[in-house]
Amino acid sequence: MKLRILCFICFSALICQPTYAIKVSGLYQAVISVSDESAPKRRIALKQGLGKVLIKVTGDRNINKSMGVSSLLERPEQFVQQYRYRQNNNKWGQKKLTRELWVQFDENSLDEALKNNGVSVWEKERPSILVWLVSQRNDNRSFVNIEENFEYLKILESRASARGVSLLFPLLDLQDGSKISVTDVWGGFTEPILAASERYQANAILTGKFTQILPTLWESEWAVYFDEQAIHWVSQSDVADIVLEEGIDELVDRLVLRYSETGEQSTGVIELLVNDIGSIDEYAQTFSYLTSLQSVNTVNVKQVTSRYIVFELTSDRGIAGLHQAISLGKILEPVEGGNELEYRFLP
């Protein structure tokens, strides 16, 4: 019971606040179950841990089958920054203790090794994802929520974490209820889905319909909305958990295609003009946001006028990559009809 209350609180933290792009933490950490603390078991666990980290860092669920990383997996200890063993309770409140190896890999050396092997690294600024999930049992349909369907949400969140992204779940309060219904999600009605999602300011919206269509067959139909355009897919399995995990896997595959590196790797100076900065606080917020972007190496102020500020940036992802990173934050937006490096501050 205590575990369930604690998990409820953790999920509430994910539910209560609107969010924009998420700077994901823990990408270079992994936890692996081990039977003992011997050196042979530790070597195996470190290889497994590096495999988990590579999936999170690149966003590619098949990265460990790539020729570019096979040599890295053979010597995982070269990237280990620190590790420690710990005891932990099994999930769902079982009293049996398990032994785990927690490991932190060195971010800089691993990134450099991946790039030297021609493997792209997905930046830490990643899209925020709002999830509306409806389940059907017999003839009854309802939103999946933490009070009644906690296990389903836990499966989604666990799989998303393994792929290096975070999910946001709606409050399902009176305000949501006035704008969206189970029928809207089940029928894929775009207008109410987008209207209800607006308060959460997510970069992507995922909807799912989850049902047991036969005694031995589960199915989920998914749609992800990018800028009001929906992409659909279906997952089926005889195991309910797999159906939910495959939905998240397909989602992240599409996020990686849309938001990962553009391929431009040369470092250069970029001048960014930002309009509508009307106070010291707004300037500080803009400056802080630009310096927080992983793709931005330096930020300097080149020109200040009463109407705009020109920032001089250095970035190793070029103009296209910078645009992509800025678009996730919802702090700045491009000026319609302006040049490609002209933005305005969003209050």
Protein backbone atom coordinates (compact mmCIF):
# COMPACT_ATOMS: atom_id res chain seq x y z
CA MET A 1 0.00 0.00 0.00
CA LYS A 2 2.82 2.41 0.90
CA LEU A 3 4.54 1.68 -2.42
CA ARG A 4 1.36 2.44 -4.32
CA ILE A 5 0.92 5.76 -2.48
CA LEU A 6 4.54 6.70 -3.23
CA CYS A 7 4.11 5.85 -6.91
CA PHE A 8 0.88 7.86 -6.93
CA ILE A 9 2.81 10.89 -5.67
CA CYS A 10 5.52 10.40 -8.31
CA PHE A 11 2.94 10.21 -11.09
CA SER A 12 1.19 13.28 -9.69
CA ALA A 13 4.41 15.20 -10.19
CA LEU A 14 4.29 14.20 -13.85
CA ILE A 15 0.64 15.17 -14.16
CA CYS A 16 0.23 18.46 -12.37
CA GLN A 17 2.36 20.92 -14.36
CA PRO A 18 2.26 21.98 -18.02
CA THR A 19 5.60 21.32 -19.69
CA TYR A 20 7.55 22.09 -22.83
CA ALA A 21 10.73 20.40 -23.99
CA ILE A 22 12.24 18.20 -21.31
CA LYS A 23 15.96 18.07 -20.57
CA VAL A 24 16.15 14.38 -19.73
CA SER A 25 18.38 13.38 -16.81
CA GLY A 26 19.88 9.98 -16.08
CA LEU A 27 20.60 9.15 -19.73
CA TYR A 28 24.06 7.88 -18.88
CA GLN A 29 22.97 5.81 -15.88
CA ALA A 30 21.71 2.24 -15.73
CA VAL A 31 20.56 -0.25 -13.10
CA ILE A 32 21.07 -3.97 -13.66
CA SER A 33 19.96 -6.86 -11.47
CA VAL A 34 22.83 -9.16 -10.40
CA SER A 35 22.97 -12.37 -8.43
CA ASP A 36 26.29 -11.57 -6.73
CA GLU A 37 29.13 -9.03 -6.69
CA SER A 38 31.77 -11.16 -8.42
CA ALA A 39 33.95 -9.72 -11.18
CA PRO A 40 32.55 -12.01 -13.93
CA LYS A 41 28.98 -11.03 -13.09
CA ARG A 42 30.00 -7.38 -12.91
CA ARG A 43 31.51 -7.48 -16.42
CA ILE A 44 28.28 -8.95 -17.79
CA ALA A 45 26.21 -6.36 -15.94
CA LEU A 46 28.34 -3.47 -17.20
CA LYS A 47 27.84 -4.64 -20.78
CA GLN A 48 24.09 -4.84 -20.20
CA GLY A 49 24.14 -1.41 -18.58
CA LEU A 50 26.03 0.16 -21.47
CA GLY A 51 23.53 -1.41 -23.86
CA LYS A 52 20.67 0.27 -21.97
CA VAL A 53 22.46 3.62 -21.97
CA LEU A 54 23.19 3.45 -25.70
CA ILE A 55 19.48 3.04 -26.42
CA LYS A 56 18.64 6.08 -24.30
CA VAL A 57 21.46 8.25 -25.62
CA THR A 58 20.79 7.55 -29.29
CA GLY A 59 17.03 6.90 -29.11
CA ASP A 60 17.62 3.86 -31.34
CA ARG A 61 16.18 0.65 -29.87
CA ASN A 62 18.29 -1.43 -32.32
CA ILE A 63 21.56 0.42 -31.72
CA ASN A 64 23.17 -2.52 -29.94
CA LYS A 65 22.94 -4.56 -33.15
CA SER A 66 24.84 -1.88 -35.06
CA MET A 67 28.37 -2.50 -36.25
CA GLY A 68 29.29 0.95 -35.00
CA VAL A 69 28.87 0.04 -31.33
CA SER A 70 29.88 -3.63 -31.15
CA SER A 71 33.46 -2.72 -30.15
CA LEU A 72 32.18 -0.37 -27.45
CA LEU A 73 30.04 -3.09 -25.88
CA GLU A 74 33.03 -5.42 -25.68
CA ARG A 75 34.85 -2.98 -23.38
CA PRO A 76 32.18 -1.18 -21.34
CA GLU A 77 34.56 -0.58 -18.42
CA GLN A 78 36.43 2.09 -20.44
CA PHE A 79 33.39 4.36 -20.12
CA VAL A 80 32.53 3.67 -16.46
CA GLN A 81 32.68 6.75 -14.29
CA GLN A 82 31.40 5.14 -11.08
CA TYR A 83 29.35 2.18 -9.94
CA ARG A 84 27.96 0.75 -6.74
CA TYR A 85 25.90 -2.19 -5.55
CA ARG A 86 22.67 -1.74 -3.65
CA GLN A 87 19.78 -3.72 -2.26
CA ASN A 88 16.26 -2.89 -3.29
CA ASN A 89 12.76 -4.24 -2.86
CA ASN A 90 11.18 -5.92 -5.83
CA LYS A 91 8.41 -4.03 -7.59
CA TRP A 92 4.83 -4.15 -6.37
CA GLY A 93 5.84 -4.29 -2.72
CA GLN A 94 7.27 -7.82 -2.56
CA LYS A 95 9.43 -8.24 0.51
CA LYS A 96 12.21 -10.25 -1.15
CA LEU A 97 15.36 -8.18 -1.53
CA THR A 98 17.25 -8.07 -4.83
CA ARG A 99 20.81 -6.99 -5.54
CA GLU A 100 21.43 -4.33 -8.19
CA LEU A 101 24.42 -2.72 -9.83
CA TRP A 102 24.03 1.02 -10.42
CA VAL A 103 26.48 2.46 -12.95
CA GLN A 104 27.22 5.93 -14.27
CA PHE A 105 28.99 6.11 -17.64
CA ASP A 106 31.14 9.07 -18.68
CA GLU A 107 29.09 11.31 -20.95
CA ASN A 108 31.91 13.02 -22.82
CA SER A 109 33.98 9.96 -23.60
CA LEU A 110 30.94 7.92 -24.65
CA ASP A 111 29.60 10.68 -26.89
CA GLU A 112 33.00 11.08 -28.52
CA ALA A 113 33.30 7.33 -29.10
CA LEU A 114 29.84 7.19 -30.67
CA LYS A 115 30.54 10.11 -33.01
CA ASN A 116 33.89 8.59 -33.98
CA ASN A 117 31.97 5.47 -34.98
CA GLY A 118 29.47 7.45 -37.04
CA VAL A 119 26.64 7.14 -34.50
CA SER A 120 24.43 10.19 -33.84
CA VAL A 121 23.70 11.25 -30.26
CA TRP A 122 20.18 12.50 -29.51
CA GLU A 123 20.39 15.71 -27.51
CA LYS A 124 19.14 15.94 -23.93
CA GLU A 125 16.43 18.44 -24.90
CA ARG A 126 13.67 16.09 -25.95
CA PRO A 127 10.01 16.62 -26.81
CA SER A 128 7.40 16.51 -24.07
CA ILE A 129 4.65 13.96 -24.75
CA LEU A 130 1.10 14.13 -23.45
CA VAL A 131 -0.74 10.77 -23.34
CA TRP A 132 -4.50 10.26 -23.57
CA LEU A 133 -5.15 6.52 -23.19
CA VAL A 134 -8.57 4.86 -23.25
CA SER A 135 -9.13 1.21 -22.33
CA GLN A 136 -12.13 -0.97 -23.13
CA ARG A 137 -13.27 -3.81 -20.90
CA ASN A 138 -16.31 -5.65 -22.15
CA ASP A 139 -18.49 -2.80 -23.40
CA ASN A 140 -17.13 -0.19 -20.98
CA ARG A 141 -14.63 2.44 -22.09
CA SER A 142 -12.77 4.78 -19.76
CA PHE A 143 -9.67 6.93 -19.54
CA VAL A 144 -6.70 5.12 -18.04
CA ASN A 145 -5.80 6.91 -14.80
CA ILE A 146 -3.56 6.38 -11.79
CA GLU A 147 -6.41 5.52 -9.44
CA GLU A 148 -7.86 2.62 -11.44
CA ASN A 149 -5.27 1.61 -14.05
CA PHE A 150 -1.95 2.42 -12.39
CA GLU A 151 -0.24 -0.67 -13.82
CA TYR A 152 -0.90 0.40 -17.41
CA LEU A 153 0.56 3.86 -16.84
CA LYS A 154 3.56 2.35 -15.09
CA ILE A 155 4.26 0.15 -18.12
CA LEU A 156 4.11 3.16 -20.43
CA GLU A 157 6.36 5.28 -18.23
CA SER A 158 8.87 2.48 -17.69
CA ARG A 159 9.20 1.84 -21.42
CA ALA A 160 9.47 5.54 -22.19
CA SER A 161 12.23 5.89 -19.59
CA ALA A 162 14.11 2.99 -21.19
CA ARG A 163 13.98 4.87 -24.49
CA GLY A 164 15.14 8.15 -22.97
CA VAL A 165 11.90 10.16 -22.99
CA SER A 166 9.36 11.27 -20.38
CA LEU A 167 5.58 11.15 -20.54
CA LEU A 168 3.02 13.61 -19.24
CA PHE A 169 -0.42 12.37 -18.18
CA PRO A 170 -3.50 14.62 -18.11
CA LEU A 171 -5.22 15.59 -14.88
CA LEU A 172 -8.60 14.32 -16.13
CA ASP A 173 -10.24 16.98 -13.97
CA LEU A 174 -13.34 19.08 -14.64
CA GLN A 175 -11.50 21.32 -17.07
CA ASP A 176 -10.38 18.33 -19.13
CA GLY A 177 -13.86 16.83 -18.89
CA SER A 178 -15.41 19.96 -20.34
CA LYS A 179 -13.25 19.72 -23.45
CA ILE A 180 -12.67 16.03 -24.15
CA SER A 181 -14.50 12.74 -23.70
CA VAL A 182 -13.66 9.07 -24.02
CA THR A 183 -15.63 9.06 -27.28
CA ASP A 184 -13.41 11.82 -28.69
CA VAL A 185 -10.27 9.78 -28.14
CA TRP A 186 -11.87 6.51 -29.25
CA GLY A 187 -13.17 8.14 -32.42
CA GLY A 188 -9.95 10.04 -33.10
CA PHE A 189 -11.68 13.43 -33.25
CA THR A 190 -8.80 15.84 -33.73
CA GLU A 191 -10.39 19.11 -32.67
CA PRO A 192 -11.33 18.20 -29.07
CA ILE A 193 -8.07 16.27 -28.60
CA LEU A 194 -6.01 19.32 -29.55
CA ALA A 195 -8.25 21.70 -27.60
CA ALA A 196 -7.99 19.68 -24.38
CA SER A 197 -4.24 19.23 -24.83
CA GLU A 198 -3.51 22.93 -25.24
CA ARG A 199 -3.33 23.60 -21.48
CA TYR A 200 -0.43 21.13 -21.15
CA GLN A 201 1.73 22.77 -23.86
CA ALA A 202 3.31 19.47 -24.91
CA ASN A 203 5.40 19.09 -28.06
CA ALA A 204 3.60 15.90 -29.08
CA ILE A 205 0.23 14.36 -28.20
CA LEU A 206 -0.21 10.59 -28.08
CA THR A 207 -3.63 8.94 -28.03
CA GLY A 208 -4.26 5.24 -27.56
CA LYS A 209 -7.19 2.82 -27.64
CA PHE A 210 -6.40 -0.32 -25.64
CA THR A 211 -8.62 -3.41 -25.63
CA GLN A 212 -8.68 -7.20 -25.41
CA ILE A 213 -10.27 -8.25 -28.70
CA LEU A 214 -9.93 -12.01 -28.08
CA PRO A 215 -9.19 -14.12 -24.99
CA THR A 216 -5.58 -14.43 -26.19
CA LEU A 217 -5.17 -11.21 -28.16
CA TRP A 218 -4.70 -7.59 -27.04
CA GLU A 219 -4.71 -4.63 -29.41
CA SER A 220 -3.96 -0.94 -29.18
CA GLU A 221 -4.49 1.71 -31.83
CA TRP A 222 -2.24 4.75 -31.53
CA ALA A 223 -2.01 8.23 -33.00
CA VAL A 224 0.64 10.89 -32.43
CA TYR A 225 -0.13 14.51 -33.26
CA PHE A 226 2.62 16.82 -34.52
CA ASP A 227 1.37 20.33 -35.35
CA GLU A 228 -2.20 19.08 -35.82
CA GLN A 229 -1.11 16.27 -38.19
CA ALA A 230 -1.70 12.71 -36.96
CA ILE A 231 0.31 9.56 -37.64
CA HIS A 232 -1.42 6.24 -36.87
CA TRP A 233 -0.29 2.69 -36.12
CA VAL A 234 -1.59 -0.51 -34.48
CA SER A 235 0.12 -2.96 -32.14
CA GLN A 236 -1.10 -6.47 -31.24
CA SER A 237 0.13 -9.20 -28.90
CA ASP A 238 -1.11 -12.01 -26.68
CA VAL A 239 0.44 -10.09 -23.77
CA ALA A 240 -1.08 -6.77 -22.68
CA ASP A 241 2.26 -5.35 -21.50
CA ILE A 242 3.86 -5.89 -24.91
CA VAL A 243 1.05 -4.06 -26.70
CA LEU A 244 1.62 -0.99 -24.52
CA GLU A 245 5.41 -1.17 -24.81
CA GLU A 246 5.25 -1.49 -28.60
CA GLY A 247 3.09 1.62 -28.73
CA ILE A 248 5.79 3.61 -26.92
CA ASP A 249 8.55 2.07 -29.03
CA GLU A 250 6.86 3.14 -32.25
CA LEU A 251 6.26 6.60 -30.82
CA VAL A 252 9.92 7.11 -29.89
CA ASP A 253 11.06 5.80 -33.28
CA ARG A 254 9.02 8.59 -34.87
CA LEU A 255 10.28 11.18 -32.39
CA VAL A 256 13.88 10.28 -33.21
CA LEU A 257 13.22 10.68 -36.93
CA ARG A 258 11.65 14.07 -36.32
CA TYR A 259 13.81 15.57 -33.59
CA SER A 260 17.24 13.92 -33.63
CA GLU A 261 20.34 15.38 -35.25
CA THR A 262 20.02 16.87 -38.72
CA GLY A 263 23.45 15.64 -39.81
CA GLU A 264 25.11 19.07 -39.85
CA GLN A 265 28.09 18.81 -37.51
CA SER A 266 30.33 21.80 -38.29
CA THR A 267 30.68 24.41 -35.55
CA GLY A 268 29.87 27.94 -36.63
CA VAL A 269 28.79 31.39 -35.44
CA ILE A 270 25.07 32.15 -35.75
CA GLU A 271 23.40 35.51 -35.17
CA LEU A 272 19.92 35.23 -33.69
CA LEU A 273 17.62 38.27 -33.58
CA VAL A 274 14.95 38.18 -30.85
CA ASN A 275 12.08 40.69 -30.79
CA ASP A 276 9.67 41.66 -28.00
CA ILE A 277 12.11 41.43 -25.09
CA GLY A 278 10.67 44.18 -22.93
CA SER A 279 12.35 43.75 -19.54
CA ILE A 280 15.49 42.59 -17.77
CA ASP A 281 13.63 39.47 -16.62
CA GLU A 282 12.67 38.57 -20.19
CA TYR A 283 16.24 39.14 -21.36
CA ALA A 284 17.55 36.94 -18.56
CA GLN A 285 15.03 34.22 -19.39
CA THR A 286 15.99 34.29 -23.09
CA PHE A 287 19.71 34.29 -22.36
CA SER A 288 19.36 31.47 -19.84
CA TYR A 289 17.27 29.41 -22.25
CA LEU A 290 19.74 29.76 -25.12
CA THR A 291 22.72 28.84 -22.93
CA SER A 292 20.83 25.78 -21.63
CA LEU A 293 20.55 24.21 -25.10
CA GLN A 294 22.95 21.32 -25.46
CA SER A 295 23.73 22.20 -29.08
CA VAL A 296 24.76 25.76 -28.14
CA ASN A 297 28.36 26.17 -27.01
CA THR A 298 28.51 29.92 -26.29
CA VAL A 299 26.06 32.85 -26.16
CA ASN A 300 27.02 36.52 -26.39
CA VAL A 301 25.00 39.70 -26.86
CA LYS A 302 26.06 41.52 -30.03
CA GLN A 303 23.48 44.33 -30.27
CA VAL A 304 20.71 45.78 -28.08
CA THR A 305 17.99 48.14 -29.31
CA SER A 306 14.60 49.17 -28.00
CA ARG A 307 12.94 46.70 -30.37
CA TYR A 308 15.22 43.66 -30.40
CA ILE A 309 18.41 41.99 -29.19
CA VAL A 310 20.91 40.21 -31.42
CA PHE A 311 22.54 37.18 -29.80
CA GLU A 312 25.71 35.67 -31.22
CA LEU A 313 25.81 31.90 -30.73
CA THR A 314 28.21 29.12 -31.56
CA SER A 315 26.60 25.77 -32.30
CA ASP A 316 27.82 22.48 -33.71
CA ARG A 317 24.44 21.65 -35.25
CA GLY A 318 24.10 24.52 -37.66
CA ILE A 319 21.05 26.67 -38.33
CA ALA A 320 18.63 23.79 -38.94
CA GLY A 321 19.64 22.05 -35.73
CA LEU A 322 19.34 25.28 -33.75
CA HIS A 323 15.84 25.91 -35.13
CA GLN A 324 14.85 22.40 -34.12
CA ALA A 325 16.15 22.79 -30.57
CA ILE A 326 14.47 26.19 -30.10
CA SER A 327 11.14 24.86 -31.39
CA LEU A 328 10.91 22.42 -28.48
CA GLY A 329 11.13 25.06 -25.79
CA LYS A 330 8.12 27.30 -26.50
CA ILE A 331 10.16 30.24 -25.22
CA LEU A 332 10.80 31.74 -28.65
CA GLU A 333 8.84 31.50 -31.87
CA PRO A 334 9.85 32.37 -35.46
CA VAL A 335 8.64 35.72 -36.76
CA GLU A 336 6.22 35.13 -39.59
CA GLY A 337 7.60 36.80 -42.71
CA GLY A 338 10.95 37.47 -41.04
CA ASN A 339 14.29 35.99 -41.96
CA GLU A 340 15.18 32.46 -40.85
CA LEU A 341 17.07 33.70 -37.78
CA GLU A 342 14.43 36.10 -36.46
CA TYR A 343 12.37 35.15 -33.41
CA ARG A 344 10.08 36.78 -30.88
CA PHE A 345 9.94 36.22 -27.14
CA LEU A 346 6.80 34.45 -25.90
CA PRO A 347 5.54 36.00 -22.64
